[in-house]
Each structure stands twice: as structure tokens, then as C-alpha cells.
């Protein structure tokens, strides 16, 4: 049996210097031809930064990311 793809759901937080970064994403990863090719499709990507010296509601946004290839050269686009 050979597994060629996987679904990844991630939710995490990082705290440093009185700031809190929350990151959430869901992605489908295709690695059937790894190490020659690796593809990912982030179907949901969101982030929020809150804390010291930031607006009361913090800064948040969403993104799109579909990296592919051996060097993963496609850019990810984040918006606020």
C-alpha cells in the first residue's frame, strides 16, 4: 500500500514579548512523487496577532497558499 496524499489540520499559538500569534490552517498534501515533487493546497489559512503595542482587536487576516515543486517556489499570499 502506498499513501500518496494526506489532509493536515493545524491550530497553534506562539507567545512572546507580550504578543500572541494564532495560526490555523487546513491543507491537502500530495507527495506521491516525493522527493521529486511535493504539492500542497491550503484550503483555509488564517492568523491573528494580538498584544502589546497593537490595536485592541489585534491584526488578523487570511491567506492562500498552493506551493508545488521541488523547491516550493510558488508564493503564499496573506491579506489583512
PDB file of N, CA and C in Angstrom:
ATOM      1  N   UNK A   1       0.843  -1.178   0.000  1.00  0.00           N
ATOM      2  CA  UNK A   1       0.000   0.000   0.000  1.00  0.00           C
ATOM      3  C   UNK A   1       0.887   1.239   0.000  1.00  0.00           C
ATOM      4  N   UNK A   2       0.572   2.181  -0.871  1.00  0.00           N
ATOM      5  CA  UNK A   2       1.334   3.423  -0.966  1.00  0.00           C
ATOM      6  C   UNK A   2       0.405   4.603  -0.724  1.00  0.00           C
ATOM      7  N   UNK A   3       0.752   5.433   0.225  1.00  0.00           N
ATOM      8  CA  UNK A   3      -0.043   6.624   0.528  1.00  0.00           C
ATOM      9  C   UNK A   3       0.490   7.768  -0.317  1.00  0.00           C
ATOM     10  N   UNK A   4      -0.391   8.409  -1.084  1.00  0.00           N
ATOM     11  CA  UNK A   4       0.052   9.494  -1.953  1.00  0.00           C
ATOM     12  C   UNK A   4      -0.382  10.868  -1.476  1.00  0.00           C
ATOM     13  N   UNK A   5      -1.315  10.938  -0.541  1.00  0.00           N
ATOM     14  CA  UNK A   5      -1.781  12.237  -0.078  1.00  0.00           C
ATOM     15  C   UNK A   5      -2.237  12.183   1.363  1.00  0.00           C
ATOM     16  N   UNK A   6      -2.326  13.361   1.958  1.00  0.00           N
ATOM     17  CA  UNK A   6      -2.757  13.466   3.352  1.00  0.00           C
ATOM     18  C   UNK A   6      -3.455  14.801   3.562  1.00  0.00           C
ATOM     19  N   UNK A   7      -4.371  14.820   4.520  1.00  0.00           N
ATOM     20  CA  UNK A   7      -5.024  16.056   4.932  1.00  0.00           C
ATOM     21  C   UNK A   7      -4.453  16.465   6.283  1.00  0.00           C
ATOM     22  N   UNK A   8      -4.085  17.734   6.398  1.00  0.00           N
ATOM     23  CA  UNK A   8      -3.477  18.252   7.625  1.00  0.00           C
ATOM     24  C   UNK A   8      -4.333  19.400   8.148  1.00  0.00           C
ATOM     25  N   UNK A   9      -4.718  19.334   9.418  1.00  0.00           N
ATOM     26  CA  UNK A   9      -5.402  20.432  10.100  1.00  0.00           C
ATOM     27  C   UNK A   9      -4.505  20.869  11.249  1.00  0.00           C
ATOM     28  N   UNK A  10      -4.218  22.172  11.318  1.00  0.00           N
ATOM     29  CA  UNK A  10      -3.314  22.687  12.341  1.00  0.00           C
ATOM     30  C   UNK A  10      -3.928  23.911  12.999  1.00  0.00           C
ATOM     31  N   UNK A  11      -3.766  24.009  14.303  1.00  0.00           N
ATOM     32  CA  UNK A  11      -4.156  25.186  15.064  1.00  0.00           C
ATOM     33  C   UNK A  11      -3.127  25.349  16.171  1.00  0.00           C
ATOM     34  N   UNK A  12      -2.477  26.506  16.213  1.00  0.00           N
ATOM     35  CA  UNK A  12      -1.447  26.706  17.226  1.00  0.00           C
ATOM     36  C   UNK A  12      -1.283  28.161  17.614  1.00  0.00           C
ATOM     37  N   UNK A  13      -0.593  28.360  18.728  1.00  0.00           N
ATOM     38  CA  UNK A  13      -0.344  29.708  19.245  1.00  0.00           C
ATOM     39  C   UNK A  13       1.114  29.819  19.654  1.00  0.00           C
ATOM     40  N   UNK A  14       1.657  31.015  19.460  1.00  0.00           N
ATOM     41  CA  UNK A  14       3.011  31.328  19.906  1.00  0.00           C
ATOM     42  C   UNK A  14       2.927  32.607  20.725  1.00  0.00           C
ATOM     43  N   UNK A  15       3.493  32.601  21.922  1.00  0.00           N
ATOM     44  CA  UNK A  15       3.510  33.778  22.792  1.00  0.00           C
ATOM     45  C   UNK A  15       4.947  34.228  22.982  1.00  0.00           C
ATOM     46  N   UNK A  16       5.175  35.540  22.801  1.00  0.00           N
ATOM     47  CA  UNK A  16       6.499  36.094  23.036  1.00  0.00           C
ATOM     48  C   UNK A  16       6.387  37.607  23.192  1.00  0.00           C
ATOM     49  N   UNK A  17       7.149  38.150  24.117  1.00  0.00           N
ATOM     50  CA  UNK A  17       7.209  39.602  24.333  1.00  0.00           C
ATOM     51  C   UNK A  17       5.821  40.238  24.424  1.00  0.00           C
ATOM     52  N   UNK A  18       4.936  39.653  25.206  1.00  0.00           N
ATOM     53  CA  UNK A  18       3.582  40.155  25.439  1.00  0.00           C
ATOM     54  C   UNK A  18       2.743  40.205  24.162  1.00  0.00           C
ATOM     55  N   UNK A  19       3.059  39.337  23.214  1.00  0.00           N
ATOM     56  CA  UNK A  19       2.278  39.231  21.982  1.00  0.00           C
ATOM     57  C   UNK A  19       1.882  37.777  21.773  1.00  0.00           C
ATOM     58  N   UNK A  20       0.743  37.596  21.119  1.00  0.00           N
ATOM     59  CA  UNK A  20       0.192  36.265  20.898  1.00  0.00           C
ATOM     60  C   UNK A  20      -0.140  36.111  19.417  1.00  0.00           C
ATOM     61  N   UNK A  21       0.461  35.131  18.763  1.00  0.00           N
ATOM     62  CA  UNK A  21       0.180  34.845  17.357  1.00  0.00           C
ATOM     63  C   UNK A  21      -0.581  33.525  17.283  1.00  0.00           C
ATOM     64  N   UNK A  22      -1.773  33.562  16.698  1.00  0.00           N
ATOM     65  CA  UNK A  22      -2.573  32.352  16.484  1.00  0.00           C
ATOM     66  C   UNK A  22      -2.570  32.044  14.991  1.00  0.00           C
ATOM     67  N   UNK A  23      -2.326  30.791  14.651  1.00  0.00           N
ATOM     68  CA  UNK A  23      -2.275  30.357  13.257  1.00  0.00           C
ATOM     69  C   UNK A  23      -3.133  29.109  13.104  1.00  0.00           C
ATOM     70  N   UNK A  24      -4.005  29.129  12.090  1.00  0.00           N
ATOM     71  CA  UNK A  24      -4.877  27.988  11.793  1.00  0.00           C
ATOM     72  C   UNK A  24      -4.803  27.699  10.301  1.00  0.00           C
ATOM     73  N   UNK A  25      -4.697  26.423   9.949  1.00  0.00           N
ATOM     74  CA  UNK A  25      -4.785  26.080   8.536  1.00  0.00           C
ATOM     75  C   UNK A  25      -5.258  24.648   8.334  1.00  0.00           C
ATOM     76  N   UNK A  26      -5.828  24.437   7.158  1.00  0.00           N
ATOM     77  CA  UNK A  26      -6.192  23.108   6.668  1.00  0.00           C
ATOM     78  C   UNK A  26      -5.532  22.967   5.310  1.00  0.00           C
ATOM     79  N   UNK A  27      -4.922  21.826   5.068  1.00  0.00           N
ATOM     80  CA  UNK A  27      -4.202  21.631   3.813  1.00  0.00           C
ATOM     81  C   UNK A  27      -4.309  20.190   3.354  1.00  0.00           C
ATOM     82  N   UNK A  28      -4.226  20.031   2.047  1.00  0.00           N
ATOM     83  CA  UNK A  28      -4.107  18.716   1.438  1.00  0.00           C
ATOM     84  C   UNK A  28      -2.719  18.647   0.821  1.00  0.00           C
ATOM     85  N   UNK A  29      -1.963  17.628   1.184  1.00  0.00           N
ATOM     86  CA  UNK A  29      -0.587  17.476   0.702  1.00  0.00           C
ATOM     87  C   UNK A  29      -0.520  16.240  -0.186  1.00  0.00           C
ATOM     88  N   UNK A  30       0.063  16.399  -1.371  1.00  0.00           N
ATOM     89  CA  UNK A  30       0.259  15.298  -2.313  1.00  0.00           C
ATOM     90  C   UNK A  30       1.752  15.028  -2.434  1.00  0.00           C
ATOM     91  N   UNK A  31       2.172  13.857  -2.022  1.00  0.00           N
ATOM     92  CA  UNK A  31       3.598  13.529  -2.057  1.00  0.00           C
ATOM     93  C   UNK A  31       3.891  12.212  -2.734  1.00  0.00           C
ATOM     94  N   UNK A  32       3.045  11.789  -3.668  1.00  0.00           N
ATOM     95  CA  UNK A  32       3.225  10.510  -4.338  1.00  0.00           C
ATOM     96  C   UNK A  32       4.510  10.401  -5.135  1.00  0.00           C
ATOM     97  N   UNK A  33       5.066  11.531  -5.543  1.00  0.00           N
ATOM     98  CA  UNK A  33       6.309  11.528  -6.322  1.00  0.00           C
ATOM     99  C   UNK A  33       7.460  12.145  -5.531  1.00  0.00           C
ATOM    100  N   UNK A  34       7.330  12.156  -4.197  1.00  0.00           N
ATOM    101  CA  UNK A  34       8.381  12.713  -3.346  1.00  0.00           C
ATOM    102  C   UNK A  34       9.626  11.848  -3.457  1.00  0.00           C
ATOM    103  N   UNK A  35      10.845  12.360  -3.532  1.00  0.00           N
ATOM    104  CA  UNK A  35      11.296  13.734  -3.311  1.00  0.00           C
ATOM    105  C   UNK A  35      11.328  14.594  -4.568  1.00  0.00           C
ATOM    106  N   UNK A  36      10.859  14.058  -5.704  1.00  0.00           N
ATOM    107  CA  UNK A  36      10.914  14.823  -6.949  1.00  0.00           C
ATOM    108  C   UNK A  36       9.864  15.918  -7.007  1.00  0.00           C
ATOM    109  N   UNK A  37       8.742  15.687  -6.374  1.00  0.00           N
ATOM    110  CA  UNK A  37       7.663  16.669  -6.403  1.00  0.00           C
ATOM    111  C   UNK A  37       6.847  16.572  -5.118  1.00  0.00           C
ATOM    112  N   UNK A  38       6.433  17.717  -4.621  1.00  0.00           N
ATOM    113  CA  UNK A  38       5.584  17.794  -3.440  1.00  0.00           C
ATOM    114  C   UNK A  38       4.614  18.946  -3.662  1.00  0.00           C
ATOM    115  N   UNK A  39       3.329  18.691  -3.496  1.00  0.00           N
ATOM    116  CA  UNK A  39       2.313  19.718  -3.716  1.00  0.00           C
ATOM    117  C   UNK A  39       1.465  19.872  -2.467  1.00  0.00           C
ATOM    118  N   UNK A  40       1.032  21.097  -2.205  1.00  0.00           N
ATOM    119  CA  UNK A  40       0.158  21.365  -1.063  1.00  0.00           C
ATOM    120  C   UNK A  40      -0.902  22.375  -1.485  1.00  0.00           C
ATOM    121  N   UNK A  41      -2.091  22.196  -0.965  1.00  0.00           N
ATOM    122  CA  UNK A  41      -3.190  23.118  -1.236  1.00  0.00           C
ATOM    123  C   UNK A  41      -3.797  23.510   0.106  1.00  0.00           C
ATOM    124  N   UNK A  42      -3.506  24.748   0.542  1.00  0.00           N
ATOM    125  CA  UNK A  42      -4.035  25.256   1.806  1.00  0.00           C
ATOM    126  C   UNK A  42      -5.432  25.797   1.533  1.00  0.00           C
ATOM    127  N   UNK A  43      -6.446  25.037   1.919  1.00  0.00           N
ATOM    128  CA  UNK A  43      -7.823  25.428   1.644  1.00  0.00           C
ATOM    129  C   UNK A  43      -8.338  26.450   2.645  1.00  0.00           C
ATOM    130  N   UNK A  44      -7.707  26.542   3.795  1.00  0.00           N
ATOM    131  CA  UNK A  44      -8.080  27.523   4.817  1.00  0.00           C
ATOM    132  C   UNK A  44      -6.808  27.916   5.545  1.00  0.00           C
ATOM    133  N   UNK A  45      -6.526  29.210   5.593  1.00  0.00           N
ATOM    134  CA  UNK A  45      -5.342  29.723   6.274  1.00  0.00           C
ATOM    135  C   UNK A  45      -5.719  31.050   6.919  1.00  0.00           C
ATOM    136  N   UNK A  46      -5.597  31.135   8.241  1.00  0.00           N
ATOM    137  CA  UNK A  46      -5.921  32.384   8.933  1.00  0.00           C
ATOM    138  C   UNK A  46      -4.943  32.604  10.080  1.00  0.00           C
ATOM    139  N   UNK A  47      -4.782  33.873  10.452  1.00  0.00           N
ATOM    140  CA  UNK A  47      -3.849  34.228  11.521  1.00  0.00           C
ATOM    141  C   UNK A  47      -4.369  35.442  12.268  1.00  0.00           C
ATOM    142  N   UNK A  48      -3.920  35.595  13.514  1.00  0.00           N
ATOM    143  CA  UNK A  48      -4.259  36.770  14.318  1.00  0.00           C
ATOM    144  C   UNK A  48      -3.093  37.072  15.249  1.00  0.00           C
ATOM    145  N   UNK A  49      -2.705  38.337  15.293  1.00  0.00           N
ATOM    146  CA  UNK A  49      -1.645  38.807  16.181  1.00  0.00           C
ATOM    147  C   UNK A  49      -2.256  39.811  17.144  1.00  0.00           C
ATOM    148  N   UNK A  50      -2.113  39.563  18.455  1.00  0.00           N
ATOM    149  CA  UNK A  50      -2.654  40.448  19.484  1.00  0.00           C
ATOM    150  C   UNK A  50      -1.589  40.701  20.526  1.00  0.00           C
ATOM    151  N   UNK A  51      -1.745  41.823  21.248  1.00  0.00           N
ATOM    152  CA  UNK A  51      -0.850  42.073  22.366  1.00  0.00           C
ATOM    153  C   UNK A  51      -0.344  43.493  22.422  1.00  0.00           C
ATOM    154  N   UNK A  52       0.789  43.646  23.095  1.00  0.00           N
ATOM    155  CA  UNK A  52       1.381  44.956  23.373  1.00  0.00           C
ATOM    156  C   UNK A  52       1.628  45.744  22.090  1.00  0.00           C
ATOM    157  N   UNK A  53       1.303  47.030  22.149  1.00  0.00           N
ATOM    158  CA  UNK A  53       1.542  47.992  21.074  1.00  0.00           C
ATOM    159  C   UNK A  53       0.794  47.665  19.779  1.00  0.00           C
ATOM    160  N   UNK A  54      -0.307  46.931  19.893  1.00  0.00           N
ATOM    161  CA  UNK A  54      -1.146  46.616  18.735  1.00  0.00           C
ATOM    162  C   UNK A  54      -2.550  47.142  18.993  1.00  0.00           C
ATOM    163  N   UNK A  55      -3.376  47.316  17.953  1.00  0.00           N
ATOM    164  CA  UNK A  55      -4.755  47.748  18.169  1.00  0.00           C
ATOM    165  C   UNK A  55      -5.479  46.786  19.119  1.00  0.00           C
ATOM    166  N   UNK A  56      -6.513  47.257  19.821  1.00  0.00           N
ATOM    167  CA  UNK A  56      -7.219  46.409  20.793  1.00  0.00           C
ATOM    168  C   UNK A  56      -7.723  45.080  20.214  1.00  0.00           C
ATOM    169  N   UNK A  57      -8.179  45.094  18.968  1.00  0.00           N
ATOM    170  CA  UNK A  57      -8.655  43.861  18.335  1.00  0.00           C
ATOM    171  C   UNK A  57      -7.532  43.085  17.657  1.00  0.00           C
ATOM    172  N   UNK A  58      -6.319  43.604  17.724  1.00  0.00           N
ATOM    173  CA  UNK A  58      -5.187  42.942  17.089  1.00  0.00           C
ATOM    174  C   UNK A  58      -5.192  43.123  15.583  1.00  0.00           C
ATOM    175  N   UNK A  59      -4.377  42.346  14.915  1.00  0.00           N
ATOM    176  CA  UNK A  59      -4.287  42.339  13.457  1.00  0.00           C
ATOM    177  C   UNK A  59      -4.569  40.906  13.028  1.00  0.00           C
ATOM    178  N   UNK A  60      -5.446  40.742  12.037  1.00  0.00           N
ATOM    179  CA  UNK A  60      -5.736  39.386  11.587  1.00  0.00           C
ATOM    180  C   UNK A  60      -5.890  39.346  10.086  1.00  0.00           C
ATOM    181  N   UNK A  61      -5.897  38.161   9.552  1.00  0.00           N
ATOM    182  CA  UNK A  61      -6.050  38.026   8.116  1.00  0.00           C
ATOM    183  C   UNK A  61      -6.217  36.589   7.681  1.00  0.00           C
ATOM    184  N   UNK A  62      -6.311  36.451   6.378  1.00  0.00           N
ATOM    185  CA  UNK A  62      -6.476  35.142   5.744  1.00  0.00           C
ATOM    186  C   UNK A  62      -5.433  35.017   4.644  1.00  0.00           C
ATOM    187  N   UNK A  63      -5.284  33.829   4.152  1.00  0.00           N
ATOM    188  CA  UNK A  63      -4.287  33.645   3.117  1.00  0.00           C
ATOM    189  C   UNK A  63      -4.616  32.518   2.167  1.00  0.00           C
ATOM    190  N   UNK A  64      -3.847  32.492   1.096  1.00  0.00           N
ATOM    191  CA  UNK A  64      -3.927  31.451   0.084  1.00  0.00           C
ATOM    192  C   UNK A  64      -2.517  30.957  -0.155  1.00  0.00           C
ATOM    193  N   UNK A  65      -2.375  29.656  -0.226  1.00  0.00           N
ATOM    194  CA  UNK A  65      -1.044  29.113  -0.445  1.00  0.00           C
ATOM    195  C   UNK A  65      -1.182  27.792  -1.189  1.00  0.00           C
ATOM    196  N   UNK A  66      -0.520  27.701  -2.334  1.00  0.00           N
ATOM    197  CA  UNK A  66      -0.519  26.466  -3.114  1.00  0.00           C
ATOM    198  C   UNK A  66       0.893  26.173  -3.609  1.00  0.00           C
ATOM    199  N   UNK A  67       1.816  25.910  -2.693  1.00  0.00           N
ATOM    200  CA  UNK A  67       3.188  25.624  -3.119  1.00  0.00           C
ATOM    201  C   UNK A  67       3.266  24.281  -3.840  1.00  0.00           C
ATOM    202  N   UNK A  68       4.177  24.197  -4.804  1.00  0.00           N
ATOM    203  CA  UNK A  68       4.363  22.949  -5.545  1.00  0.00           C
ATOM    204  C   UNK A  68       5.775  22.896  -6.098  1.00  0.00           C
ATOM    205  N   UNK A  69       6.231  21.708  -6.348  1.00  0.00           N
ATOM    206  CA  UNK A  69       7.539  21.531  -6.955  1.00  0.00           C
ATOM    207  C   UNK A  69       8.593  21.130  -5.953  1.00  0.00           C
ATOM    208  N   UNK A  70       9.778  20.961  -6.455  1.00  0.00           N
ATOM    209  CA  UNK A  70      10.875  20.514  -5.598  1.00  0.00           C
ATOM    210  C   UNK A  70      11.369  21.619  -4.673  1.00  0.00           C
ATOM    211  N   UNK A  71      11.386  22.865  -5.162  1.00  0.00           N
ATOM    212  CA  UNK A  71      11.899  23.977  -4.356  1.00  0.00           C
ATOM    213  C   UNK A  71      10.792  24.801  -3.715  1.00  0.00           C
ATOM    214  N   UNK A  72       9.545  24.450  -3.938  1.00  0.00           N
ATOM    215  CA  UNK A  72       8.402  25.165  -3.352  1.00  0.00           C
ATOM    216  C   UNK A  72       8.492  26.671  -3.615  1.00  0.00           C
ATOM    217  N   UNK A  73       8.626  27.060  -4.872  1.00  0.00           N
ATOM    218  CA  UNK A  73       8.859  28.458  -5.216  1.00  0.00           C
ATOM    219  C   UNK A  73       7.593  29.292  -5.393  1.00  0.00           C
ATOM    220  N   UNK A  74       6.421  28.691  -5.414  1.00  0.00           N
ATOM    221  CA  UNK A  74       5.199  29.496  -5.530  1.00  0.00           C
ATOM    222  C   UNK A  74       4.984  30.287  -4.253  1.00  0.00           C
ATOM    223  N   UNK A  75       4.629  31.571  -4.382  1.00  0.00           N
ATOM    224  CA  UNK A  75       4.458  32.385  -3.170  1.00  0.00           C
ATOM    225  C   UNK A  75       3.132  32.117  -2.465  1.00  0.00           C
ATOM    226  N   UNK A  76       3.119  32.402  -1.192  1.00  0.00           N
ATOM    227  CA  UNK A  76       1.895  32.398  -0.399  1.00  0.00           C
ATOM    228  C   UNK A  76       1.459  33.848  -0.254  1.00  0.00           C
ATOM    229  N   UNK A  77       0.167  34.098  -0.330  1.00  0.00           N
ATOM    230  CA  UNK A  77      -0.360  35.451  -0.246  1.00  0.00           C
ATOM    231  C   UNK A  77      -1.200  35.571   1.020  1.00  0.00           C
ATOM    232  N   UNK A  78      -0.818  36.497   1.901  1.00  0.00           N
ATOM    233  CA  UNK A  78      -1.569  36.766   3.124  1.00  0.00           C
ATOM    234  C   UNK A  78      -2.198  38.143   3.024  1.00  0.00           C
ATOM    235  N   UNK A  79      -3.442  38.274   3.487  1.00  0.00           N
ATOM    236  CA  UNK A  79      -4.123  39.562   3.483  1.00  0.00           C
ATOM    237  C   UNK A  79      -4.588  39.898   4.891  1.00  0.00           C
ATOM    238  N   UNK A  80      -4.802  41.183   5.143  1.00  0.00           N
ATOM    239  CA  UNK A  80      -5.318  41.620   6.439  1.00  0.00           C
ATOM    240  C   UNK A  80      -6.718  42.146   6.267  1.00  0.00           C
TER     241      UNK A  80
END
